Amino acid sequence: LSKPTVLRFTKSLARGGYLVRNNDATWRLGPKLARLGM
C-alpha cells in the first residue's frame, strides 16, 4: 500500500496500543498485543 495509507493505519493502531511510534519515526509492536498473546 502507499505510505500515506499505511500511515493512517499505523496511527489508528497506535491509538489502540497495538503499535508504538519510536523516536526515530519507526514503528514497533505495542503492549496491547502482549496482552492478547497472554
PDB file of all heavy atoms in Angstrom:
ATOM      1  N   LEU A   1       0.845  -1.190   0.000  1.00  0.00           N
ATOM      2  CA  LEU A   1       0.000   0.000   0.000  1.00  0.00           C
ATOM      3  C   LEU A   1       0.882   1.244   0.000  1.00  0.00           C
ATOM      4  O   LEU A   1       2.076   1.176   0.280  1.00  0.00           O
ATOM      5  CB  LEU A   1      -0.920   0.012   1.225  1.00  0.00           C
ATOM      6  CG  LEU A   1      -1.940  -1.142   1.334  1.00  0.00           C
ATOM      7  CD1 LEU A   1      -2.596  -1.132   2.699  1.00  0.00           C
ATOM      8  CD2 LEU A   1      -2.987  -1.038   0.234  1.00  0.00           C
ATOM      9  N   SER A   2       0.271   2.400  -0.265  1.00  0.00           N
ATOM     10  CA  SER A   2       1.035   3.646  -0.263  1.00  0.00           C
ATOM     11  C   SER A   2       1.395   4.056   1.157  1.00  0.00           C
ATOM     12  O   SER A   2       0.721   3.661   2.127  1.00  0.00           O
ATOM     13  CB  SER A   2       0.221   4.761  -0.916  1.00  0.00           C
ATOM     14  OG  SER A   2      -0.899   5.092  -0.099  1.00  0.00           O
ATOM     15  N   LYS A   3       2.440   4.863   1.297  1.00  0.00           N
ATOM     16  CA  LYS A   3       2.863   5.312   2.626  1.00  0.00           C
ATOM     17  C   LYS A   3       1.781   6.133   3.336  1.00  0.00           C
ATOM     18  O   LYS A   3       1.559   5.940   4.543  1.00  0.00           O
ATOM     19  CB  LYS A   3       4.176   6.093   2.527  1.00  0.00           C
ATOM     20  CG  LYS A   3       5.377   5.203   2.241  1.00  0.00           C
ATOM     21  CD  LYS A   3       6.696   5.896   2.537  1.00  0.00           C
ATOM     22  CE  LYS A   3       6.968   7.001   1.529  1.00  0.00           C
ATOM     23  NZ  LYS A   3       8.311   7.599   1.746  1.00  0.00           N
ATOM     24  N   PRO A   4       1.078   7.073   2.646  1.00  0.00           N
ATOM     25  CA  PRO A   4       0.007   7.805   3.341  1.00  0.00           C
ATOM     26  C   PRO A   4      -1.091   6.888   3.874  1.00  0.00           C
ATOM     27  O   PRO A   4      -1.613   7.095   4.972  1.00  0.00           O
ATOM     28  CB  PRO A   4      -0.525   8.753   2.255  1.00  0.00           C
ATOM     29  CG  PRO A   4       0.622   8.951   1.328  1.00  0.00           C
ATOM     30  CD  PRO A   4       1.318   7.625   1.294  1.00  0.00           C
ATOM     31  N   THR A   5      -1.434   5.853   3.098  1.00  0.00           N
ATOM     32  CA  THR A   5      -2.464   4.916   3.546  1.00  0.00           C
ATOM     33  C   THR A   5      -2.001   4.142   4.765  1.00  0.00           C
ATOM     34  O   THR A   5      -2.724   4.009   5.764  1.00  0.00           O
ATOM     35  CB  THR A   5      -2.835   3.934   2.415  1.00  0.00           C
ATOM     36  OG1 THR A   5      -3.344   4.664   1.313  1.00  0.00           O
ATOM     37  CG2 THR A   5      -3.884   2.934   2.875  1.00  0.00           C
ATOM     38  N   VAL A   6      -0.768   3.638   4.716  1.00  0.00           N
ATOM     39  CA  VAL A   6      -0.229   2.878   5.848  1.00  0.00           C
ATOM     40  C   VAL A   6      -0.085   3.772   7.066  1.00  0.00           C
ATOM     41  O   VAL A   6      -0.306   3.339   8.201  1.00  0.00           O
ATOM     42  CB  VAL A   6       1.114   2.225   5.463  1.00  0.00           C
ATOM     43  CG1 VAL A   6       1.771   1.579   6.684  1.00  0.00           C
ATOM     44  CG2 VAL A   6       0.899   1.184   4.371  1.00  0.00           C
ATOM     45  N   LEU A   7       0.268   5.029   6.867  1.00  0.00           N
ATOM     46  CA  LEU A   7       0.401   5.958   7.991  1.00  0.00           C
ATOM     47  C   LEU A   7      -0.921   6.110   8.735  1.00  0.00           C
ATOM     48  O   LEU A   7      -0.949   6.157   9.974  1.00  0.00           O
ATOM     49  CB  LEU A   7       0.894   7.322   7.499  1.00  0.00           C
ATOM     50  CG  LEU A   7       1.100   8.381   8.591  1.00  0.00           C
ATOM     51  CD1 LEU A   7       2.127   7.920   9.611  1.00  0.00           C
ATOM     52  CD2 LEU A   7       1.512   9.714   7.958  1.00  0.00           C
ATOM     53  N   ARG A   8      -2.025   6.162   8.000  1.00  0.00           N
ATOM     54  CA  ARG A   8      -3.331   6.268   8.662  1.00  0.00           C
ATOM     55  C   ARG A   8      -3.606   5.048   9.526  1.00  0.00           C
ATOM     56  O   ARG A   8      -4.103   5.161  10.650  1.00  0.00           O
ATOM     57  CB  ARG A   8      -4.437   6.434   7.614  1.00  0.00           C
ATOM     58  CG  ARG A   8      -4.420   7.765   6.891  1.00  0.00           C
ATOM     59  CD  ARG A   8      -5.766   8.054   6.208  1.00  0.00           C
ATOM     60  NE  ARG A   8      -6.080   7.062   5.189  1.00  0.00           N
ATOM     61  CZ  ARG A   8      -5.695   7.167   3.917  1.00  0.00           C
ATOM     62  NH1 ARG A   8      -4.979   8.216   3.526  1.00  0.00           N
ATOM     63  NH2 ARG A   8      -6.025   6.239   3.037  1.00  0.00           N
ATOM     64  N   PHE A   9      -3.250   3.879   9.006  1.00  0.00           N
ATOM     65  CA  PHE A   9      -3.472   2.656   9.788  1.00  0.00           C
ATOM     66  C   PHE A   9      -2.558   2.594  11.013  1.00  0.00           C
ATOM     67  O   PHE A   9      -2.982   2.189  12.096  1.00  0.00           O
ATOM     68  CB  PHE A   9      -3.269   1.428   8.904  1.00  0.00           C
ATOM     69  CG  PHE A   9      -4.326   1.243   7.858  1.00  0.00           C
ATOM     70  CD1 PHE A   9      -3.993   1.077   6.528  1.00  0.00           C
ATOM     71  CD2 PHE A   9      -5.664   1.245   8.207  1.00  0.00           C
ATOM     72  CE1 PHE A   9      -4.971   0.916   5.562  1.00  0.00           C
ATOM     73  CE2 PHE A   9      -6.654   1.074   7.261  1.00  0.00           C
ATOM     74  CZ  PHE A   9      -6.305   0.925   5.929  1.00  0.00           C
ATOM     75  N   THR A  10      -1.300   2.977  10.842  1.00  0.00           N
ATOM     76  CA  THR A  10      -0.374   2.913  11.973  1.00  0.00           C
ATOM     77  C   THR A  10      -0.804   3.867  13.088  1.00  0.00           C
ATOM     78  O   THR A  10      -0.702   3.533  14.270  1.00  0.00           O
ATOM     79  CB  THR A  10       1.062   3.247  11.536  1.00  0.00           C
ATOM     80  OG1 THR A  10       1.089   4.518  10.881  1.00  0.00           O
ATOM     81  CG2 THR A  10       1.617   2.177  10.604  1.00  0.00           C
ATOM     82  N   LYS A  11      -1.302   5.032  12.718  1.00  0.00           N
ATOM     83  CA  LYS A  11      -1.763   5.980  13.746  1.00  0.00           C
ATOM     84  C   LYS A  11      -2.966   5.426  14.500  1.00  0.00           C
ATOM     85  O   LYS A  11      -3.051   5.542  15.727  1.00  0.00           O
ATOM     86  CB  LYS A  11      -2.111   7.326  13.099  1.00  0.00           C
ATOM     87  CG  LYS A  11      -0.896   8.131  12.654  1.00  0.00           C
ATOM     88  CD  LYS A  11      -1.324   9.467  12.059  1.00  0.00           C
ATOM     89  CE  LYS A  11      -0.109  10.325  11.712  1.00  0.00           C
ATOM     90  NZ  LYS A  11      -0.500  11.632  11.114  1.00  0.00           N
ATOM     91  N   SER A  12      -3.897   4.821  13.774  1.00  0.00           N
ATOM     92  CA  SER A  12      -5.066   4.217  14.428  1.00  0.00           C
ATOM     93  C   SER A  12      -4.656   3.064  15.338  1.00  0.00           C
ATOM     94  O   SER A  12      -5.147   2.930  16.463  1.00  0.00           O
ATOM     95  CB  SER A  12      -6.069   3.725  13.380  1.00  0.00           C
ATOM     96  OG  SER A  12      -6.607   4.800  12.639  1.00  0.00           O
ATOM     97  N   LEU A  13      -3.742   2.227  14.849  1.00  0.00           N
ATOM     98  CA  LEU A  13      -3.265   1.095  15.646  1.00  0.00           C
ATOM     99  C   LEU A  13      -2.502   1.575  16.880  1.00  0.00           C
ATOM    100  O   LEU A  13      -2.593   0.972  17.952  1.00  0.00           O
ATOM    101  CB  LEU A  13      -2.380   0.185  14.788  1.00  0.00           C
ATOM    102  CG  LEU A  13      -3.117  -0.612  13.703  1.00  0.00           C
ATOM    103  CD1 LEU A  13      -2.119  -1.197  12.709  1.00  0.00           C
ATOM    104  CD2 LEU A  13      -3.967  -1.718  14.313  1.00  0.00           C
ATOM    105  N   ALA A  14      -1.772   2.670  16.744  1.00  0.00           N
ATOM    106  CA  ALA A  14      -1.022   3.229  17.881  1.00  0.00           C
ATOM    107  C   ALA A  14      -1.981   3.766  18.941  1.00  0.00           C
ATOM    108  O   ALA A  14      -1.741   3.608  20.147  1.00  0.00           O
ATOM    109  CB  ALA A  14      -0.075   4.330  17.404  1.00  0.00           C
ATOM    110  N   ARG A  15      -3.080   4.404  18.517  1.00  0.00           N
ATOM    111  CA  ARG A  15      -4.053   4.907  19.489  1.00  0.00           C
ATOM    112  C   ARG A  15      -4.676   3.776  20.302  1.00  0.00           C
ATOM    113  O   ARG A  15      -5.047   3.947  21.460  1.00  0.00           O
ATOM    114  CB  ARG A  15      -5.151   5.701  18.769  1.00  0.00           C
ATOM    115  CG  ARG A  15      -4.733   7.099  18.343  1.00  0.00           C
ATOM    116  CD  ARG A  15      -5.930   7.950  17.956  1.00  0.00           C
ATOM    117  NE  ARG A  15      -6.560   7.477  16.730  1.00  0.00           N
ATOM    118  CZ  ARG A  15      -6.220   7.883  15.517  1.00  0.00           C
ATOM    119  NH1 ARG A  15      -5.236   8.770  15.369  1.00  0.00           N
ATOM    120  NH2 ARG A  15      -6.838   7.401  14.449  1.00  0.00           N
ATOM    121  N   GLY A  16      -4.790   2.605  19.662  1.00  0.00           N
ATOM    122  CA  GLY A  16      -5.339   1.458  20.370  1.00  0.00           C
ATOM    123  C   GLY A  16      -4.319   0.671  21.164  1.00  0.00           C
ATOM    124  O   GLY A  16      -4.669  -0.285  21.846  1.00  0.00           O
ATOM    125  N   GLY A  17      -3.037   1.034  21.068  1.00  0.00           N
ATOM    126  CA  GLY A  17      -1.993   0.334  21.809  1.00  0.00           C
ATOM    127  C   GLY A  17      -1.412  -0.863  21.082  1.00  0.00           C
ATOM    128  O   GLY A  17      -0.650  -1.637  21.662  1.00  0.00           O
ATOM    129  N   TYR A  18      -1.749  -1.020  19.788  1.00  0.00           N
ATOM    130  CA  TYR A  18      -1.257  -2.161  19.030  1.00  0.00           C
ATOM    131  C   TYR A  18       0.079  -1.879  18.338  1.00  0.00           C
ATOM    132  O   TYR A  18       0.779  -2.805  17.950  1.00  0.00           O
ATOM    133  CB  TYR A  18      -2.296  -2.585  17.993  1.00  0.00           C
ATOM    134  CG  TYR A  18      -3.593  -3.040  18.626  1.00  0.00           C
ATOM    135  CD1 TYR A  18      -4.668  -2.165  18.747  1.00  0.00           C
ATOM    136  CD2 TYR A  18      -3.726  -4.328  19.132  1.00  0.00           C
ATOM    137  CE1 TYR A  18      -5.848  -2.577  19.353  1.00  0.00           C
ATOM    138  CE2 TYR A  18      -4.902  -4.745  19.738  1.00  0.00           C
ATOM    139  CZ  TYR A  18      -5.962  -3.858  19.840  1.00  0.00           C
ATOM    140  OH  TYR A  18      -7.129  -4.262  20.448  1.00  0.00           O
ATOM    141  N   LEU A  19       0.416  -0.608  18.178  1.00  0.00           N
ATOM    142  CA  LEU A  19       1.709  -0.185  17.652  1.00  0.00           C
ATOM    143  C   LEU A  19       2.234   0.955  18.502  1.00  0.00           C
ATOM    144  O   LEU A  19       1.465   1.662  19.162  1.00  0.00           O
ATOM    145  CB  LEU A  19       1.603   0.279  16.193  1.00  0.00           C
ATOM    146  CG  LEU A  19       1.445  -0.770  15.085  1.00  0.00           C
ATOM    147  CD1 LEU A  19       1.338  -0.075  13.730  1.00  0.00           C
ATOM    148  CD2 LEU A  19       2.588  -1.770  15.076  1.00  0.00           C
ATOM    149  N   VAL A  20       3.545   1.131  18.466  1.00  0.00           N
ATOM    150  CA  VAL A  20       4.197   2.240  19.169  1.00  0.00           C
ATOM    151  C   VAL A  20       5.145   2.924  18.190  1.00  0.00           C
ATOM    152  O   VAL A  20       5.907   2.240  17.490  1.00  0.00           O
ATOM    153  CB  VAL A  20       4.984   1.755  20.403  1.00  0.00           C
ATOM    154  CG1 VAL A  20       5.777   2.908  21.025  1.00  0.00           C
ATOM    155  CG2 VAL A  20       4.027   1.146  21.423  1.00  0.00           C
ATOM    156  N   ARG A  21       5.094   4.262  18.139  1.00  0.00           N
ATOM    157  CA  ARG A  21       5.990   5.027  17.270  1.00  0.00           C
ATOM    158  C   ARG A  21       7.255   5.374  18.046  1.00  0.00           C
ATOM    159  O   ARG A  21       7.201   5.986  19.112  1.00  0.00           O
ATOM    160  CB  ARG A  21       5.318   6.305  16.774  1.00  0.00           C
ATOM    161  CG  ARG A  21       6.115   7.069  15.712  1.00  0.00           C
ATOM    162  CD  ARG A  21       5.322   8.291  15.265  1.00  0.00           C
ATOM    163  NE  ARG A  21       5.962   8.972  14.150  1.00  0.00           N
ATOM    164  CZ  ARG A  21       6.887   9.915  14.290  1.00  0.00           C
ATOM    165  NH1 ARG A  21       7.309  10.271  15.504  1.00  0.00           N
ATOM    166  NH2 ARG A  21       7.407  10.511  13.220  1.00  0.00           N
ATOM    167  N   ASN A  22       8.415   4.959  17.531  1.00  0.00           N
ATOM    168  CA  ASN A  22       9.691   5.247  18.168  1.00  0.00           C
ATOM    169  C   ASN A  22      10.132   6.680  17.886  1.00  0.00           C
ATOM    170  O   ASN A  22       9.588   7.361  17.003  1.00  0.00           O
ATOM    171  CB  ASN A  22      10.768   4.270  17.669  1.00  0.00           C
ATOM    172  CG  ASN A  22      10.426   2.830  18.005  1.00  0.00           C
ATOM    173  OD1 ASN A  22       9.996   2.522  19.107  1.00  0.00           O
ATOM    174  ND2 ASN A  22      10.610   1.943  17.045  1.00  0.00           N
ATOM    175  N   ASN A  23      11.150   7.138  18.607  1.00  0.00           N
ATOM    176  CA  ASN A  23      11.656   8.498  18.432  1.00  0.00           C
ATOM    177  C   ASN A  23      12.243   8.725  17.040  1.00  0.00           C
ATOM    178  O   ASN A  23      12.288   9.861  16.550  1.00  0.00           O
ATOM    179  CB  ASN A  23      12.708   8.826  19.490  1.00  0.00           C
ATOM    180  CG  ASN A  23      12.100   8.923  20.881  1.00  0.00           C
ATOM    181  OD1 ASN A  23      10.914   9.247  21.022  1.00  0.00           O
ATOM    182  ND2 ASN A  23      12.886   8.622  21.907  1.00  0.00           N
ATOM    183  N   ASP A  24      12.713   7.656  16.401  1.00  0.00           N
ATOM    184  CA  ASP A  24      13.298   7.794  15.063  1.00  0.00           C
ATOM    185  C   ASP A  24      12.254   7.614  13.956  1.00  0.00           C
ATOM    186  O   ASP A  24      12.603   7.411  12.797  1.00  0.00           O
ATOM    187  CB  ASP A  24      14.448   6.805  14.870  1.00  0.00           C
ATOM    188  CG  ASP A  24      13.993   5.357  14.988  1.00  0.00           C
ATOM    189  OD1 ASP A  24      12.792   5.118  15.260  1.00  0.00           O
ATOM    190  OD2 ASP A  24      14.834   4.457  14.812  1.00  0.00           O
ATOM    191  N   ALA A  25      10.973   7.674  14.322  1.00  0.00           N
ATOM    192  CA  ALA A  25       9.845   7.587  13.395  1.00  0.00           C
ATOM    193  C   ALA A  25       9.587   6.175  12.869  1.00  0.00           C
ATOM    194  O   ALA A  25       8.761   5.992  11.980  1.00  0.00           O
ATOM    195  CB  ALA A  25      10.009   8.545  12.211  1.00  0.00           C
ATOM    196  N   THR A  26      10.287   5.173  13.389  1.00  0.00           N
ATOM    197  CA  THR A  26       9.967   3.796  13.046  1.00  0.00           C
ATOM    198  C   THR A  26       8.848   3.310  13.962  1.00  0.00           C
ATOM    199  O   THR A  26       8.479   3.976  14.933  1.00  0.00           O
ATOM    200  CB  THR A  26      11.197   2.882  13.186  1.00  0.00           C
ATOM    201  OG1 THR A  26      11.655   2.939  14.550  1.00  0.00           O
ATOM    202  CG2 THR A  26      12.311   3.327  12.244  1.00  0.00           C
ATOM    203  N   TRP A  27       8.334   2.130  13.642  1.00  0.00           N
ATOM    204  CA  TRP A  27       7.205   1.581  14.396  1.00  0.00           C
ATOM    205  C   TRP A  27       7.544   0.209  14.960  1.00  0.00           C
ATOM    206  O   TRP A  27       8.254  -0.563  14.339  1.00  0.00           O
ATOM    207  CB  TRP A  27       5.977   1.469  13.486  1.00  0.00           C
ATOM    208  CG  TRP A  27       5.487   2.789  12.986  1.00  0.00           C
ATOM    209  CD1 TRP A  27       5.913   3.449  11.864  1.00  0.00           C
ATOM    210  CD2 TRP A  27       4.507   3.628  13.584  1.00  0.00           C
ATOM    211  NE1 TRP A  27       5.256   4.641  11.725  1.00  0.00           N
ATOM    212  CE2 TRP A  27       4.374   4.775  12.770  1.00  0.00           C
ATOM    213  CE3 TRP A  27       3.707   3.517  14.731  1.00  0.00           C
ATOM    214  CZ2 TRP A  27       3.485   5.809  13.062  1.00  0.00           C
ATOM    215  CZ3 TRP A  27       2.815   4.554  15.020  1.00  0.00           C
ATOM    216  CH2 TRP A  27       2.712   5.679  14.190  1.00  0.00           C
ATOM    217  N   ARG A  28       7.043  -0.071  16.148  1.00  0.00           N
ATOM    218  CA  ARG A  28       7.204  -1.390  16.758  1.00  0.00           C
ATOM    219  C   ARG A  28       5.854  -1.851  17.300  1.00  0.00           C
ATOM    220  O   ARG A  28       4.933  -1.051  17.474  1.00  0.00           O
ATOM    221  CB  ARG A  28       8.252  -1.373  17.869  1.00  0.00           C
ATOM    222  CG  ARG A  28       7.952  -0.414  19.019  1.00  0.00           C
ATOM    223  CD  ARG A  28       9.092  -0.401  20.033  1.00  0.00           C
ATOM    224  NE  ARG A  28       8.945   0.664  21.014  1.00  0.00           N
ATOM    225  CZ  ARG A  28       8.237   0.582  22.133  1.00  0.00           C
ATOM    226  NH1 ARG A  28       7.599  -0.566  22.414  1.00  0.00           N
ATOM    227  NH2 ARG A  28       8.171   1.584  22.965  1.00  0.00           N
ATOM    228  N   LEU A  29       5.766  -3.146  17.558  1.00  0.00           N
ATOM    229  CA  LEU A  29       4.519  -3.700  18.079  1.00  0.00           C
ATOM    230  C   LEU A  29       4.254  -3.178  19.484  1.00  0.00           C
ATOM    231  O   LEU A  29       5.179  -2.983  20.278  1.00  0.00           O
ATOM    232  CB  LEU A  29       4.581  -5.227  18.078  1.00  0.00           C
ATOM    233  CG  LEU A  29       4.706  -5.882  16.697  1.00  0.00           C
ATOM    234  CD1 LEU A  29       4.856  -7.385  16.838  1.00  0.00           C
ATOM    235  CD2 LEU A  29       3.501  -5.556  15.818  1.00  0.00           C
ATOM    236  N   GLY A  30       2.972  -2.961  19.793  1.00  0.00           N
ATOM    237  CA  GLY A  30       2.597  -2.349  21.053  1.00  0.00           C
ATOM    238  C   GLY A  30       2.196  -3.325  22.148  1.00  0.00           C
ATOM    239  O   GLY A  30       2.047  -4.523  21.917  1.00  0.00           O
ATOM    240  N   PRO A  31       1.980  -2.800  23.367  1.00  0.00           N
ATOM    241  CA  PRO A  31       1.700  -3.645  24.538  1.00  0.00           C
ATOM    242  C   PRO A  31       0.356  -4.359  24.479  1.00  0.00           C
ATOM    243  O   PRO A  31       0.187  -5.401  25.113  1.00  0.00           O
ATOM    244  CB  PRO A  31       1.746  -2.649  25.702  1.00  0.00           C
ATOM    245  CG  PRO A  31       1.442  -1.316  25.078  1.00  0.00           C
ATOM    246  CD  PRO A  31       2.047  -1.374  23.716  1.00  0.00           C
ATOM    247  N   LYS A  32      -0.603  -3.824  23.723  1.00  0.00           N
ATOM    248  CA  LYS A  32      -1.906  -4.481  23.659  1.00  0.00           C
ATOM    249  C   LYS A  32      -1.779  -5.885  23.047  1.00  0.00           C
ATOM    250  O   LYS A  32      -2.519  -6.804  23.421  1.00  0.00           O
ATOM    251  CB  LYS A  32      -2.873  -3.636  22.830  1.00  0.00           C
ATOM    252  CG  LYS A  32      -4.310  -4.158  22.808  1.00  0.00           C
ATOM    253  CD  LYS A  32      -4.970  -4.102  24.180  1.00  0.00           C
ATOM    254  CE  LYS A  32      -5.275  -2.691  24.595  1.00  0.00           C
ATOM    255  NZ  LYS A  32      -6.284  -2.016  23.822  1.00  0.00           N
ATOM    256  N   LEU A  33      -0.827  -6.056  22.130  1.00  0.00           N
ATOM    257  CA  LEU A  33      -0.633  -7.366  21.511  1.00  0.00           C
ATOM    258  C   LEU A  33      -0.096  -8.381  22.517  1.00  0.00           C
ATOM    259  O   LEU A  33      -0.419  -9.563  22.455  1.00  0.00           O
ATOM    260  CB  LEU A  33       0.315  -7.250  20.318  1.00  0.00           C
ATOM    261  CG  LEU A  33      -0.242  -6.469  19.127  1.00  0.00           C
ATOM    262  CD1 LEU A  33       0.838  -6.247  18.081  1.00  0.00           C
ATOM    263  CD2 LEU A  33      -1.436  -7.180  18.522  1.00  0.00           C
ATOM    264  N   ALA A  34       0.735  -7.911  23.469  1.00  0.00           N
ATOM    265  CA  ALA A  34       1.249  -8.814  24.508  1.00  0.00           C
ATOM    266  C   ALA A  34       0.104  -9.327  25.377  1.00  0.00           C
ATOM    267  O   ALA A  34       0.053 -10.509  25.741  1.00  0.00           O
ATOM    268  CB  ALA A  34       2.288  -8.096  25.356  1.00  0.00           C
ATOM    269  N   ARG A  35      -0.832  -8.434  25.694  1.00  0.00           N
ATOM    270  CA  ARG A  35      -1.993  -8.840  26.494  1.00  0.00           C
ATOM    271  C   ARG A  35      -2.824  -9.872  25.737  1.00  0.00           C
ATOM    272  O   ARG A  35      -3.249 -10.886  26.308  1.00  0.00           O
ATOM    273  CB  ARG A  35      -2.844  -7.624  26.836  1.00  0.00           C
ATOM    274  CG  ARG A  35      -4.126  -7.951  27.595  1.00  0.00           C
ATOM    275  CD  ARG A  35      -4.902  -6.685  27.934  1.00  0.00           C
ATOM    276  NE  ARG A  35      -6.155  -7.021  28.576  1.00  0.00           N
ATOM    277  CZ  ARG A  35      -7.282  -7.320  27.925  1.00  0.00           C
ATOM    278  NH1 ARG A  35      -7.276  -7.318  26.591  1.00  0.00           N
ATOM    279  NH2 ARG A  35      -8.388  -7.616  28.579  1.00  0.00           N
ATOM    280  N   LEU A  36      -3.068  -9.615  24.453  1.00  0.00           N
ATOM    281  CA  LEU A  36      -3.835 -10.573  23.657  1.00  0.00           C
ATOM    282  C   LEU A  36      -3.116 -11.914  23.566  1.00  0.00           C
ATOM    283  O   LEU A  36      -3.745 -12.973  23.592  1.00  0.00           O
ATOM    284  CB  LEU A  36      -4.081 -10.010  22.261  1.00  0.00           C
ATOM    285  CG  LEU A  36      -5.011  -8.797  22.159  1.00  0.00           C
ATOM    286  CD1 LEU A  36      -5.096  -8.314  20.723  1.00  0.00           C
ATOM    287  CD2 LEU A  36      -6.396  -9.118  22.701  1.00  0.00           C
ATOM    288  N   GLY A  37      -1.779 -11.861  23.457  1.00  0.00           N
ATOM    289  CA  GLY A  37      -0.997 -13.088  23.400  1.00  0.00           C
ATOM    290  C   GLY A  37      -1.138 -13.914  24.667  1.00  0.00           C
ATOM    291  O   GLY A  37      -1.266 -15.144  24.613  1.00  0.00           O
ATOM    292  N   MET A  38      -1.130 -13.250  25.818  1.00  0.00           N
ATOM    293  CA  MET A  38      -1.290 -13.962  27.089  1.00  0.00           C
ATOM    294  C   MET A  38      -2.685 -14.575  27.198  1.00  0.00           C
ATOM    295  O   MET A  38      -2.845 -15.701  27.683  1.00  0.00           O
ATOM    296  CB  MET A  38      -1.012 -13.018  28.256  1.00  0.00           C
ATOM    297  CG  MET A  38       0.460 -12.669  28.434  1.00  0.00           C
ATOM    298  SD  MET A  38       0.820 -11.719  29.936  1.00  0.00           S
ATOM    299  CE  MET A  38       0.028 -10.160  29.531  1.00  0.00           C
TER     300      MET A  38
END
